[in-house]
Amino acid sequence: MKPGRSPEIVVLLMACTEDVTAEKKGLLTQFLNQHPVNWDRLYALANRHRIAPFLYRVLQQVPNIPSKLLADLQNDCRAIATDNLLKLHHYRQFDQLLGSAGIMHLPLKGVYLAANCYPDNGLRSIGDLDVLVRKEDALPTVHLLESQGYHTNQKHTRYQQHDERSMLADLHEISLFKPFFNNSHFDVDLHWGVICLNKDYKIFDLDEIQAQPALVTEWQIILLVTHHGGTNIWQLIYFVNDLYFLLKGKTIDWSWLMQELRRYGLETIFLAGLHWCQQIWYLPLPPSVQQLIRMEKVQGLIDAYEKNWEGAETVALSKLIMDQVTFFAKAQTQTGRQVKIGLTFFSSRVFRAATFKVGHRLFYVPKELGFITVFVRAVRSLYRFLPTHR
């Protein structure tokens, strides 16, 4: 067992397997006999890391597992499978709707991975339906979805009330929801840009991706590393599983991929993810990539990332924002890149648009005047963190 890892995390990592062979069952049984496991914590961590289906598949074949744990995991798996079937069906309707309107789009993250990469879509829970469209198609897509019963959230509704065009300039995604049954609804995150670190550092768009149709998988990898590793600091184990299944069985242009990742400062972050893909899933990698993973800088970053796996909850947003910058800066080998990270973080936090509602009047402050509202936004953010207003 790696120093610093709890028995519960080790069990979760051992559960990440496609085939529950006799050898793997034997190793897990031996580990459980030698290390006391907090079953309640194991269950909580399995749900936090969103790998309950993997854990259930393994534990139901291992002796002396608490029946309540197995029953709870089974119920979770049934709920995930049902939810995924509904969301995948809804996405197919969504795909047809946009296709009939001549709107090109690219599915991202959960819906893409569950449908195209995982051996069983029930192994990967789907959250929101994330899709990327061209910037010029964003507003027509919003109007099309609204005509089909979708609604925008309060923040985005305010932008629409002020000026839809300002929304395109200030934001890079919009959230919509469609009521389904009782209090449930389908959620769509409509992106016209994928932010890497912050809006002033790098924004990927659909035209950039579709300009190289032979490299769609490589672009999906870049976008995944941007979100899972850059934005969310590899804090959940299912992020690693996503990367593995996205890579598995694919012919990858490693030279092009590593060059592009290096261009955006994502190379070391990607190498950390590859390390776990190799350690957990035994992913074969080119010798040149394996050599890069062994670098001291990469190994140090891996250890730092892993510390977030043990927490009972995901990293709080206020801390996550600072962790994003810290880890991204640590991943760089060039001082100039680190300076750019610091400068763009400052500019993206200060020079940003804001909407304020005073009484029945809506006030809009453009990003060019963001320095005027920075203190108001800070106070408003702190106000939201107060226990009585959560």
Protein backbone atom coordinates (compact mmCIF):
# COMPACT_ATOMS: atom_id res chain seq x y z
CA MET A 1 0.00 0.00 0.00
CA LYS A 2 1.41 3.37 -1.03
CA PRO A 3 2.30 5.56 1.99
CA GLY A 4 -0.41 8.13 2.63
CA ARG A 5 -3.22 6.14 1.04
CA SER A 6 -6.01 4.96 3.32
CA PRO A 7 -7.29 1.36 3.04
CA GLU A 8 -10.55 2.74 1.63
CA ILE A 9 -8.81 4.52 -1.25
CA VAL A 10 -6.75 1.40 -1.97
CA VAL A 11 -9.93 -0.69 -2.20
CA LEU A 12 -11.49 1.83 -4.59
CA LEU A 13 -8.41 1.74 -6.82
CA MET A 14 -8.39 -2.08 -6.77
CA ALA A 15 -12.06 -2.03 -7.78
CA CYS A 16 -11.24 -0.11 -10.96
CA THR A 17 -11.01 -3.05 -13.33
CA GLU A 18 -12.82 -4.26 -16.43
CA ASP A 19 -12.55 -7.97 -15.66
CA VAL A 20 -12.97 -9.30 -12.13
CA THR A 21 -10.56 -12.21 -12.50
CA ALA A 22 -9.84 -14.84 -9.87
CA GLU A 23 -6.42 -13.26 -9.32
CA LYS A 24 -7.91 -9.81 -8.69
CA LYS A 25 -10.54 -11.22 -6.34
CA GLY A 26 -7.81 -13.04 -4.46
CA LEU A 27 -5.67 -9.91 -4.11
CA LEU A 28 -8.61 -7.86 -2.85
CA THR A 29 -9.68 -10.59 -0.41
CA GLN A 30 -6.14 -10.79 0.94
CA PHE A 31 -5.97 -7.01 1.33
CA LEU A 32 -9.29 -6.87 3.18
CA ASN A 33 -8.13 -9.63 5.54
CA GLN A 34 -4.95 -7.71 6.35
CA HIS A 35 -6.27 -4.14 6.58
CA PRO A 36 -9.33 -2.97 8.56
CA VAL A 37 -11.71 -0.98 6.36
CA ASN A 38 -14.26 1.58 7.48
CA TRP A 39 -17.22 0.40 5.39
CA ASP A 40 -19.24 3.59 5.85
CA ARG A 41 -16.29 5.68 4.70
CA LEU A 42 -15.69 3.33 1.78
CA TYR A 43 -19.30 3.78 0.66
CA ALA A 44 -19.14 7.56 1.03
CA LEU A 45 -15.87 7.77 -0.92
CA ALA A 46 -17.22 5.50 -3.67
CA ASN A 47 -20.07 7.93 -4.21
CA ARG A 48 -17.86 10.99 -3.95
CA HIS A 49 -15.48 9.54 -6.54
CA ARG A 50 -18.45 8.32 -8.61
CA ILE A 51 -17.18 4.77 -8.97
CA ALA A 52 -19.90 2.90 -7.05
CA PRO A 53 -20.66 0.63 -10.07
CA PHE A 54 -17.05 -0.57 -10.20
CA LEU A 55 -16.98 -1.18 -6.45
CA TYR A 56 -20.24 -3.12 -6.50
CA ARG A 57 -19.11 -5.38 -9.36
CA VAL A 58 -16.03 -6.39 -7.36
CA LEU A 59 -17.37 -6.57 -3.80
CA GLN A 60 -20.33 -8.80 -4.68
CA GLN A 61 -17.77 -11.47 -5.62
CA VAL A 62 -15.68 -11.13 -2.45
CA PRO A 63 -16.56 -12.88 0.86
CA ASN A 64 -17.45 -11.21 4.18
CA ILE A 65 -18.75 -7.91 2.78
CA PRO A 66 -21.52 -6.28 4.88
CA SER A 67 -24.91 -6.99 3.30
CA LYS A 68 -26.07 -3.40 3.87
CA LEU A 69 -23.12 -2.05 1.89
CA LEU A 70 -23.89 -4.38 -1.02
CA ALA A 71 -27.59 -3.47 -0.93
CA ASP A 72 -26.82 0.26 -0.90
CA LEU A 73 -24.36 -0.08 -3.78
CA GLN A 74 -26.84 -2.16 -5.76
CA ASN A 75 -29.51 0.51 -5.35
CA ASP A 76 -27.04 3.19 -6.44
CA CYS A 77 -26.10 1.19 -9.53
CA ARG A 78 -29.74 0.73 -10.51
CA ALA A 79 -30.37 4.46 -10.10
CA ILE A 80 -27.28 5.33 -12.19
CA ALA A 81 -28.23 2.87 -14.95
CA THR A 82 -31.81 4.19 -15.13
CA ASP A 83 -30.67 7.81 -15.06
CA ASN A 84 -28.12 7.16 -17.80
CA LEU A 85 -30.68 5.48 -20.07
CA LEU A 86 -32.97 8.49 -19.77
CA LYS A 87 -30.17 10.98 -20.38
CA LEU A 88 -28.72 9.11 -23.35
CA HIS A 89 -32.20 8.92 -24.89
CA HIS A 90 -32.64 12.62 -24.23
CA TYR A 91 -29.27 13.37 -25.81
CA ARG A 92 -30.23 11.45 -28.97
CA GLN A 93 -33.34 13.64 -29.24
CA PHE A 94 -31.17 16.70 -28.58
CA ASP A 95 -28.74 15.59 -31.28
CA GLN A 96 -31.56 15.17 -33.80
CA LEU A 97 -33.02 18.56 -32.87
CA LEU A 98 -29.76 20.41 -33.48
CA GLY A 99 -29.01 18.34 -36.57
CA SER A 100 -32.38 19.16 -38.12
CA ALA A 101 -31.60 22.85 -37.55
CA GLY A 102 -28.18 22.52 -39.19
CA ILE A 103 -26.33 23.29 -35.94
CA MET A 104 -23.00 21.50 -35.60
CA HIS A 105 -22.08 20.43 -32.08
CA LEU A 106 -19.62 18.25 -30.18
CA PRO A 107 -20.69 16.22 -27.11
CA LEU A 108 -18.27 16.46 -24.19
CA LYS A 109 -17.42 14.65 -20.95
CA GLY A 110 -20.05 12.33 -19.43
CA VAL A 111 -22.51 11.89 -22.28
CA TYR A 112 -19.72 11.36 -24.83
CA LEU A 113 -17.69 9.00 -22.64
CA ALA A 114 -20.63 6.88 -21.46
CA ALA A 115 -21.94 6.45 -25.00
CA ASN A 116 -18.64 5.98 -26.85
CA CYS A 117 -15.84 4.91 -24.51
CA TYR A 118 -16.95 2.90 -21.47
CA PRO A 119 -17.61 -0.83 -22.04
CA ASP A 120 -20.95 -0.43 -20.22
CA ASN A 121 -22.57 2.99 -20.02
CA GLY A 122 -23.86 2.10 -16.55
CA LEU A 123 -20.29 2.30 -15.26
CA ARG A 124 -20.10 6.05 -15.87
CA SER A 125 -22.80 8.25 -14.34
CA ILE A 126 -23.86 11.15 -16.54
CA GLY A 127 -24.43 14.55 -14.99
CA ASP A 128 -25.31 17.50 -17.18
CA LEU A 129 -25.32 17.12 -20.95
CA ASP A 130 -22.30 19.14 -22.08
CA VAL A 131 -22.15 20.20 -25.72
CA LEU A 132 -19.93 22.60 -27.64
CA VAL A 133 -21.31 24.74 -30.49
CA ARG A 134 -19.91 27.55 -32.59
CA LYS A 135 -20.18 30.99 -31.06
CA GLU A 136 -22.39 32.21 -33.90
CA ASP A 137 -24.73 29.26 -33.28
CA ALA A 138 -25.01 29.80 -29.52
CA LEU A 139 -27.99 32.19 -29.49
CA PRO A 140 -29.91 30.32 -32.22
CA THR A 141 -29.37 27.14 -30.19
CA VAL A 142 -30.66 28.80 -27.01
CA HIS A 143 -33.76 30.05 -28.85
CA LEU A 144 -34.32 26.61 -30.38
CA LEU A 145 -34.08 24.92 -26.99
CA GLU A 146 -36.38 27.48 -25.38
CA SER A 147 -38.96 26.70 -28.06
CA GLN A 148 -38.75 23.06 -26.92
CA GLY A 149 -39.46 23.81 -23.26
CA TYR A 150 -35.97 24.57 -21.93
CA HIS A 151 -35.38 27.38 -19.45
CA THR A 152 -32.25 29.34 -18.50
CA ASN A 153 -31.15 29.81 -14.90
CA GLN A 154 -31.44 33.12 -13.05
CA LYS A 155 -27.97 34.41 -13.93
CA HIS A 156 -28.35 33.78 -17.64
CA THR A 157 -31.93 35.06 -17.68
CA ARG A 158 -30.57 38.38 -16.40
CA TYR A 159 -28.16 38.55 -19.31
CA GLN A 160 -30.99 37.86 -21.72
CA GLN A 161 -33.03 40.63 -20.15
CA HIS A 162 -30.15 43.06 -20.62
CA ASP A 163 -28.59 42.12 -23.94
CA GLU A 164 -28.09 38.64 -25.37
CA ARG A 165 -25.04 39.75 -27.32
CA SER A 166 -23.24 40.79 -24.15
CA MET A 167 -23.74 37.23 -22.89
CA LEU A 168 -21.75 35.90 -25.85
CA ALA A 169 -18.93 38.35 -25.15
CA ASP A 170 -18.79 37.87 -21.38
CA LEU A 171 -19.57 34.17 -20.97
CA HIS A 172 -18.56 30.96 -22.68
CA GLU A 173 -21.39 28.67 -21.63
CA ILE A 174 -25.01 28.83 -20.56
CA SER A 175 -27.01 26.38 -18.45
CA LEU A 176 -30.49 25.33 -19.48
CA PHE A 177 -32.93 22.87 -17.95
CA LYS A 178 -36.05 21.10 -19.14
CA PRO A 179 -38.60 19.86 -16.58
CA PHE A 180 -39.12 16.12 -16.88
CA PHE A 181 -41.05 14.41 -14.09
CA ASN A 182 -42.10 15.57 -10.65
CA ASN A 183 -39.17 17.80 -9.56
CA SER A 184 -36.61 16.26 -11.92
CA HIS A 185 -35.26 17.87 -15.06
CA PHE A 186 -32.68 17.46 -17.81
CA ASP A 187 -29.73 19.85 -17.60
CA VAL A 188 -27.75 21.06 -20.60
CA ASP A 189 -24.52 23.03 -20.41
CA LEU A 190 -24.23 24.74 -23.77
CA HIS A 191 -20.63 25.82 -24.44
CA TRP A 192 -19.35 28.04 -27.23
CA GLY A 193 -15.87 27.98 -25.70
CA VAL A 194 -13.99 25.69 -23.31
CA ILE A 195 -11.88 27.68 -20.89
CA CYS A 196 -8.39 26.48 -20.05
CA LEU A 197 -7.50 27.86 -16.57
CA ASN A 198 -9.23 31.21 -17.17
CA LYS A 199 -10.80 33.21 -20.00
CA ASP A 200 -7.64 35.27 -20.56
CA TYR A 201 -5.30 32.26 -20.70
CA LYS A 202 -6.84 30.08 -23.43
CA ILE A 203 -10.29 29.30 -24.84
CA PHE A 204 -10.84 26.32 -27.15
CA ASP A 205 -13.63 26.59 -29.72
CA LEU A 206 -15.41 24.24 -32.10
CA ASP A 207 -13.90 25.71 -35.27
CA GLU A 208 -10.41 25.05 -33.92
CA ILE A 209 -11.31 21.43 -33.21
CA GLN A 210 -13.19 20.68 -36.42
CA ALA A 211 -10.37 22.13 -38.51
CA GLN A 212 -8.55 18.84 -37.81
CA PRO A 213 -11.19 16.08 -38.17
CA ALA A 214 -8.58 13.31 -38.05
CA LEU A 215 -7.62 14.40 -34.52
CA VAL A 216 -11.03 14.34 -32.82
CA THR A 217 -9.89 11.86 -30.15
CA GLU A 218 -6.77 13.90 -29.43
CA TRP A 219 -8.92 17.01 -29.04
CA GLN A 220 -11.27 15.17 -26.69
CA ILE A 221 -8.20 14.27 -24.62
CA ILE A 222 -7.06 17.91 -24.51
CA LEU A 223 -10.51 19.08 -23.43
CA LEU A 224 -10.76 16.32 -20.82
CA VAL A 225 -7.33 17.13 -19.35
CA THR A 226 -8.29 20.81 -19.33
CA HIS A 227 -11.43 20.09 -17.30
CA HIS A 228 -10.44 17.10 -15.15
CA GLY A 229 -6.80 17.98 -14.54
CA GLY A 230 -6.59 21.74 -14.99
CA THR A 231 -9.93 22.95 -13.64
CA ASN A 232 -10.66 20.13 -11.19
CA ILE A 233 -7.08 19.15 -10.19
CA TRP A 234 -7.63 15.38 -10.65
CA GLN A 235 -9.48 15.34 -7.32
CA LEU A 236 -11.82 12.45 -8.22
CA ILE A 237 -10.81 8.94 -9.24
CA TYR A 238 -13.41 8.73 -11.99
CA PHE A 239 -11.47 11.49 -13.79
CA VAL A 240 -8.64 8.97 -14.21
CA ASN A 241 -11.08 6.31 -15.42
CA ASP A 242 -12.42 8.77 -18.00
CA LEU A 243 -8.93 9.37 -19.34
CA TYR A 244 -8.19 5.66 -19.50
CA PHE A 245 -11.33 4.72 -21.42
CA LEU A 246 -10.88 7.68 -23.76
CA LEU A 247 -7.37 6.41 -24.59
CA LYS A 248 -8.03 2.67 -24.55
CA GLY A 249 -7.81 1.00 -27.93
CA LYS A 250 -7.33 4.29 -29.78
CA THR A 251 -4.62 5.11 -32.29
CA ILE A 252 -3.15 8.29 -30.86
CA ASP A 253 -0.87 10.76 -32.60
CA TRP A 254 1.34 11.07 -29.54
CA SER A 255 3.76 13.52 -31.12
CA TRP A 256 1.00 15.98 -32.05
CA LEU A 257 -0.85 15.49 -28.77
CA MET A 258 2.18 16.11 -26.54
CA GLN A 259 3.16 19.15 -28.61
CA GLU A 260 -0.32 20.69 -28.24
CA LEU A 261 -0.51 19.95 -24.53
CA ARG A 262 2.91 21.51 -24.06
CA ARG A 263 1.77 24.61 -25.96
CA TYR A 264 -1.00 25.23 -23.43
CA GLY A 265 0.96 24.22 -20.32
CA LEU A 266 -1.04 21.00 -19.91
CA GLU A 267 1.71 18.44 -20.56
CA THR A 268 2.71 17.74 -16.94
CA ILE A 269 -0.94 17.69 -15.85
CA PHE A 270 -1.63 15.09 -18.56
CA LEU A 271 1.39 13.02 -17.52
CA ALA A 272 0.02 12.83 -13.97
CA GLY A 273 -3.22 11.39 -15.34
CA LEU A 274 -1.29 8.92 -17.50
CA HIS A 275 0.63 7.75 -14.43
CA TRP A 276 -2.60 6.63 -12.76
CA CYS A 277 -3.90 5.11 -16.00
CA GLN A 278 -0.77 2.98 -16.05
CA GLN A 279 -0.74 2.15 -12.34
CA ILE A 280 -4.47 1.40 -12.01
CA TRP A 281 -5.42 0.17 -15.47
CA TYR A 282 -2.04 -0.99 -16.87
CA LEU A 283 -2.43 1.26 -19.91
CA PRO A 284 0.43 0.63 -22.38
CA LEU A 285 2.29 3.81 -23.27
CA PRO A 286 5.09 4.72 -25.69
CA PRO A 287 8.57 4.53 -24.07
CA SER A 288 9.13 8.25 -24.66
CA VAL A 289 5.98 9.09 -22.66
CA GLN A 290 6.88 6.66 -19.88
CA GLN A 291 10.23 8.40 -19.54
CA LEU A 292 8.51 11.77 -19.10
CA ILE A 293 6.22 10.37 -16.39
CA ARG A 294 9.24 9.32 -14.32
CA MET A 295 10.50 12.91 -14.07
CA GLU A 296 10.76 14.20 -10.49
CA LYS A 297 8.52 17.19 -11.22
CA VAL A 298 5.72 14.94 -12.46
CA GLN A 299 6.01 12.56 -9.50
CA GLY A 300 5.87 15.46 -7.05
CA LEU A 301 2.72 16.79 -8.71
CA ILE A 302 1.14 13.32 -8.59
CA ASP A 303 1.64 13.09 -4.82
CA ALA A 304 0.16 16.56 -4.34
CA TYR A 305 -2.91 15.75 -6.44
CA GLU A 306 -3.55 12.47 -4.60
CA LYS A 307 -3.92 14.21 -1.24
CA ASN A 308 -7.32 15.48 -2.41
CA TRP A 309 -8.62 11.93 -2.88
CA GLU A 310 -8.99 11.29 0.84
CA GLY A 311 -11.40 14.14 1.63
CA ALA A 312 -15.02 13.40 2.48
CA GLU A 313 -16.16 16.11 0.06
CA THR A 314 -14.90 17.71 -3.12
CA VAL A 315 -12.69 20.76 -2.71
CA ALA A 316 -14.75 23.86 -1.89
CA LEU A 317 -15.06 26.30 -4.79
CA SER A 318 -13.25 29.14 -3.01
CA LYS A 319 -10.25 26.88 -2.34
CA LEU A 320 -10.48 25.19 -5.73
CA ILE A 321 -9.99 28.49 -7.56
CA MET A 322 -6.67 29.03 -5.79
CA ASP A 323 -5.68 25.37 -6.15
CA GLN A 324 -6.23 25.58 -9.90
CA VAL A 325 -3.70 28.38 -10.19
CA THR A 326 -1.25 26.79 -7.75
CA PHE A 327 -1.21 23.37 -9.42
CA PHE A 328 -1.16 24.86 -12.91
CA ALA A 329 1.85 27.00 -12.00
CA LYS A 330 3.64 24.04 -10.38
CA ALA A 331 3.15 22.05 -13.57
CA GLN A 332 5.13 24.55 -15.65
CA THR A 333 8.81 24.35 -16.51
CA GLN A 334 9.09 27.88 -17.93
CA THR A 335 9.09 31.02 -15.78
CA GLY A 336 7.38 32.96 -18.55
CA ARG A 337 4.44 30.57 -18.47
CA GLN A 338 4.12 30.96 -14.70
CA VAL A 339 4.09 34.74 -15.08
CA LYS A 340 1.34 34.46 -17.70
CA ILE A 341 -0.70 32.29 -15.34
CA GLY A 342 -0.46 34.90 -12.59
CA LEU A 343 -1.27 37.84 -14.86
CA THR A 344 -4.22 36.18 -16.56
CA PHE A 345 -5.61 35.03 -13.22
CA PHE A 346 -5.55 38.63 -11.99
CA SER A 347 -7.08 40.10 -15.16
CA SER A 348 -9.77 37.43 -15.40
CA ARG A 349 -10.88 37.98 -11.79
CA VAL A 350 -10.84 41.79 -11.92
CA PHE A 351 -11.93 42.65 -15.45
CA ARG A 352 -15.17 40.73 -15.73
CA ALA A 353 -18.74 41.73 -16.40
CA ALA A 354 -21.38 41.65 -13.69
CA THR A 355 -25.14 42.04 -13.34
CA PHE A 356 -26.81 43.50 -10.26
CA LYS A 357 -30.49 43.60 -9.49
CA VAL A 358 -31.62 46.49 -7.30
CA GLY A 359 -35.32 46.32 -6.66
CA HIS A 360 -36.92 45.64 -10.04
CA ARG A 361 -34.10 47.23 -12.01
CA LEU A 362 -31.26 45.29 -13.59
CA PHE A 363 -27.84 46.91 -13.82
CA TYR A 364 -25.13 45.64 -16.14
CA VAL A 365 -21.46 46.54 -15.73
CA PRO A 366 -19.21 45.59 -18.68
CA LYS A 367 -15.92 43.79 -18.08
CA GLU A 368 -13.93 46.91 -18.99
CA LEU A 369 -15.26 48.49 -15.78
CA GLY A 370 -14.88 45.33 -13.74
CA PHE A 371 -12.34 46.93 -11.41
CA ILE A 372 -15.18 49.13 -10.11
CA THR A 373 -17.28 46.14 -9.06
CA VAL A 374 -14.54 43.83 -7.83
CA PHE A 375 -15.16 44.66 -4.17
CA VAL A 376 -18.94 44.36 -4.56
CA ARG A 377 -18.50 40.95 -6.19
CA ALA A 378 -16.15 39.85 -3.42
CA VAL A 379 -18.64 40.83 -0.72
CA ARG A 380 -21.47 39.13 -2.60
CA SER A 381 -19.42 35.94 -2.88
CA LEU A 382 -18.60 35.98 0.84
CA TYR A 383 -22.29 36.57 1.60
CA ARG A 384 -23.20 33.39 -0.26
CA PHE A 385 -20.77 31.37 1.85
CA LEU A 386 -22.48 32.39 5.10
CA PRO A 387 -24.25 29.35 6.63
CA THR A 388 -27.62 31.12 6.82
CA HIS A 389 -27.57 31.83 3.09
CA ARG A 390 -26.45 28.51 1.69
